[in-house]
Amino acid sequence: MIDQESDDSDAKLVEEIILIQRNYYFEKRNVKTERQRKIRELIEKASKAEATDGN
């Protein structure tokens, strides 16, 4: 059951990353840093949630 919840949260994270990538795909080059920042924030948020759930 826990594995499925983890898989679901991972799938949601991947979906959010794909959505961000699609949103910025045709944008200017300087927007790349904004996209990278948002993706990094998503991953950090998911990592912190995983760390607190694991304890």
N, C-alpha and C. Protein backbone atom coordinates (compact mmCIF):
# COMPACT_ATOMS: atom_id res chain seq x y z
N MET A 1 0.83 -1.18 0.00
CA MET A 1 0.00 0.00 0.00
C MET A 1 0.88 1.25 0.00
N ILE A 2 1.92 1.24 0.80
CA ILE A 2 2.82 2.38 0.86
C ILE A 2 3.53 2.57 -0.47
N ASP A 3 3.91 1.46 -1.11
CA ASP A 3 4.57 1.55 -2.41
C ASP A 3 3.67 2.21 -3.45
N GLN A 4 2.40 1.89 -3.41
CA GLN A 4 1.47 2.49 -4.37
C GLN A 4 1.33 3.99 -4.11
N GLU A 5 1.27 4.39 -2.84
CA GLU A 5 1.20 5.81 -2.52
C GLU A 5 2.45 6.53 -3.00
N SER A 6 3.60 5.89 -2.83
CA SER A 6 4.86 6.46 -3.29
C SER A 6 4.87 6.58 -4.80
N ASP A 7 4.39 5.54 -5.47
CA ASP A 7 4.32 5.56 -6.93
C ASP A 7 3.38 6.67 -7.41
N ASP A 8 2.26 6.85 -6.71
CA ASP A 8 1.30 7.89 -7.08
C ASP A 8 1.92 9.27 -6.92
N SER A 9 2.63 9.49 -5.81
CA SER A 9 3.25 10.80 -5.61
C SER A 9 4.36 11.04 -6.62
N ASP A 10 5.11 9.98 -6.96
CA ASP A 10 6.14 10.10 -7.98
C ASP A 10 5.53 10.43 -9.34
N ALA A 11 4.41 9.79 -9.65
CA ALA A 11 3.74 10.04 -10.92
C ALA A 11 3.24 11.48 -10.99
N LYS A 12 2.72 11.99 -9.88
CA LYS A 12 2.25 13.38 -9.84
C LYS A 12 3.41 14.34 -10.05
N LEU A 13 4.55 14.03 -9.42
CA LEU A 13 5.74 14.87 -9.58
C LEU A 13 6.19 14.90 -11.03
N VAL A 14 6.22 13.74 -11.65
CA VAL A 14 6.63 13.65 -13.06
C VAL A 14 5.65 14.42 -13.94
N GLU A 15 4.37 14.31 -13.66
CA GLU A 15 3.37 15.04 -14.44
C GLU A 15 3.57 16.55 -14.31
N GLU A 16 3.87 17.02 -13.09
CA GLU A 16 4.11 18.45 -12.90
C GLU A 16 5.34 18.91 -13.67
N ILE A 17 6.40 18.10 -13.65
CA ILE A 17 7.62 18.44 -14.37
C ILE A 17 7.34 18.50 -15.87
N ILE A 18 6.61 17.53 -16.39
CA ILE A 18 6.27 17.52 -17.81
C ILE A 18 5.44 18.75 -18.17
N LEU A 19 4.51 19.10 -17.31
CA LEU A 19 3.67 20.28 -17.56
C LEU A 19 4.53 21.55 -17.62
N ILE A 20 5.47 21.68 -16.71
CA ILE A 20 6.36 22.85 -16.72
C ILE A 20 7.19 22.85 -17.99
N GLN A 21 7.73 21.70 -18.35
CA GLN A 21 8.55 21.62 -19.56
C GLN A 21 7.74 22.02 -20.79
N ARG A 22 6.51 21.56 -20.88
CA ARG A 22 5.65 21.92 -22.02
C ARG A 22 5.35 23.41 -22.04
N ASN A 23 5.09 23.97 -20.86
CA ASN A 23 4.76 25.40 -20.78
C ASN A 23 5.90 26.27 -21.28
N TYR A 24 7.12 25.85 -21.03
CA TYR A 24 8.27 26.68 -21.37
C TYR A 24 8.98 26.24 -22.65
N TYR A 25 8.47 25.23 -23.31
CA TYR A 25 9.17 24.65 -24.46
C TYR A 25 9.45 25.68 -25.55
N PHE A 26 8.48 26.51 -25.83
CA PHE A 26 8.64 27.47 -26.92
C PHE A 26 9.03 28.87 -26.43
N GLU A 27 9.37 28.98 -25.17
CA GLU A 27 9.74 30.29 -24.62
C GLU A 27 11.16 30.66 -25.00
N LYS A 28 11.53 31.88 -24.63
CA LYS A 28 12.87 32.37 -24.92
C LYS A 28 13.91 31.66 -24.07
N ARG A 29 15.13 31.78 -24.46
CA ARG A 29 16.23 31.10 -23.78
C ARG A 29 16.37 31.51 -22.31
N ASN A 30 16.19 32.80 -22.00
CA ASN A 30 16.37 33.25 -20.62
C ASN A 30 15.31 32.70 -19.67
N VAL A 31 14.26 32.15 -20.20
CA VAL A 31 13.22 31.55 -19.37
C VAL A 31 13.68 30.18 -18.88
N LYS A 32 14.71 29.65 -19.49
CA LYS A 32 15.20 28.34 -19.10
C LYS A 32 15.55 28.30 -17.62
N THR A 33 16.16 29.35 -17.10
CA THR A 33 16.53 29.38 -15.69
C THR A 33 15.29 29.37 -14.79
N GLU A 34 14.23 30.03 -15.21
CA GLU A 34 12.98 30.01 -14.45
C GLU A 34 12.39 28.61 -14.43
N ARG A 35 12.41 27.94 -15.56
CA ARG A 35 11.92 26.56 -15.65
C ARG A 35 12.73 25.65 -14.75
N GLN A 36 14.04 25.80 -14.80
CA GLN A 36 14.91 24.97 -13.97
C GLN A 36 14.65 25.22 -12.49
N ARG A 37 14.43 26.48 -12.13
CA ARG A 37 14.15 26.82 -10.73
C ARG A 37 12.86 26.16 -10.27
N LYS A 38 11.82 26.21 -11.09
CA LYS A 38 10.54 25.61 -10.71
C LYS A 38 10.67 24.10 -10.57
N ILE A 39 11.38 23.47 -11.47
CA ILE A 39 11.57 22.03 -11.39
C ILE A 39 12.37 21.67 -10.15
N ARG A 40 13.42 22.43 -9.87
CA ARG A 40 14.23 22.18 -8.68
C ARG A 40 13.38 22.31 -7.41
N GLU A 41 12.52 23.34 -7.37
CA GLU A 41 11.64 23.53 -6.22
C GLU A 41 10.68 22.36 -6.05
N LEU A 42 10.11 21.87 -7.15
CA LEU A 42 9.22 20.72 -7.08
C LEU A 42 9.93 19.50 -6.51
N ILE A 43 11.13 19.25 -7.01
CA ILE A 43 11.89 18.08 -6.57
C ILE A 43 12.28 18.22 -5.10
N GLU A 44 12.71 19.41 -4.69
CA GLU A 44 13.07 19.63 -3.29
C GLU A 44 11.85 19.45 -2.38
N LYS A 45 10.71 19.95 -2.81
CA LYS A 45 9.49 19.82 -2.03
C LYS A 45 9.11 18.35 -1.89
N ALA A 46 9.19 17.60 -2.97
CA ALA A 46 8.89 16.17 -2.93
C ALA A 46 9.89 15.41 -2.05
N SER A 47 11.15 15.80 -2.11
CA SER A 47 12.17 15.14 -1.30
C SER A 47 11.94 15.40 0.19
N LYS A 48 11.58 16.63 0.53
CA LYS A 48 11.32 16.96 1.93
C LYS A 48 10.10 16.19 2.43
N ALA A 49 9.07 16.08 1.61
CA ALA A 49 7.88 15.34 1.98
C ALA A 49 8.21 13.86 2.18
N GLU A 50 9.06 13.30 1.33
CA GLU A 50 9.47 11.92 1.45
C GLU A 50 10.25 11.70 2.73
N ALA A 51 11.13 12.63 3.06
CA ALA A 51 11.95 12.51 4.26
C ALA A 51 11.09 12.54 5.51
N THR A 52 10.07 13.39 5.55
CA THR A 52 9.22 13.47 6.72
C THR A 52 8.26 12.28 6.79
N ASP A 53 7.84 11.75 5.66
CA ASP A 53 6.96 10.59 5.64
C ASP A 53 7.71 9.31 6.04
N GLY A 54 8.99 9.29 5.76
CA GLY A 54 9.79 8.10 6.03
C GLY A 54 10.10 7.90 7.49
N ASN A 55 9.96 8.95 8.30
CA ASN A 55 10.29 8.83 9.73
C ASN A 55 9.12 8.42 10.56
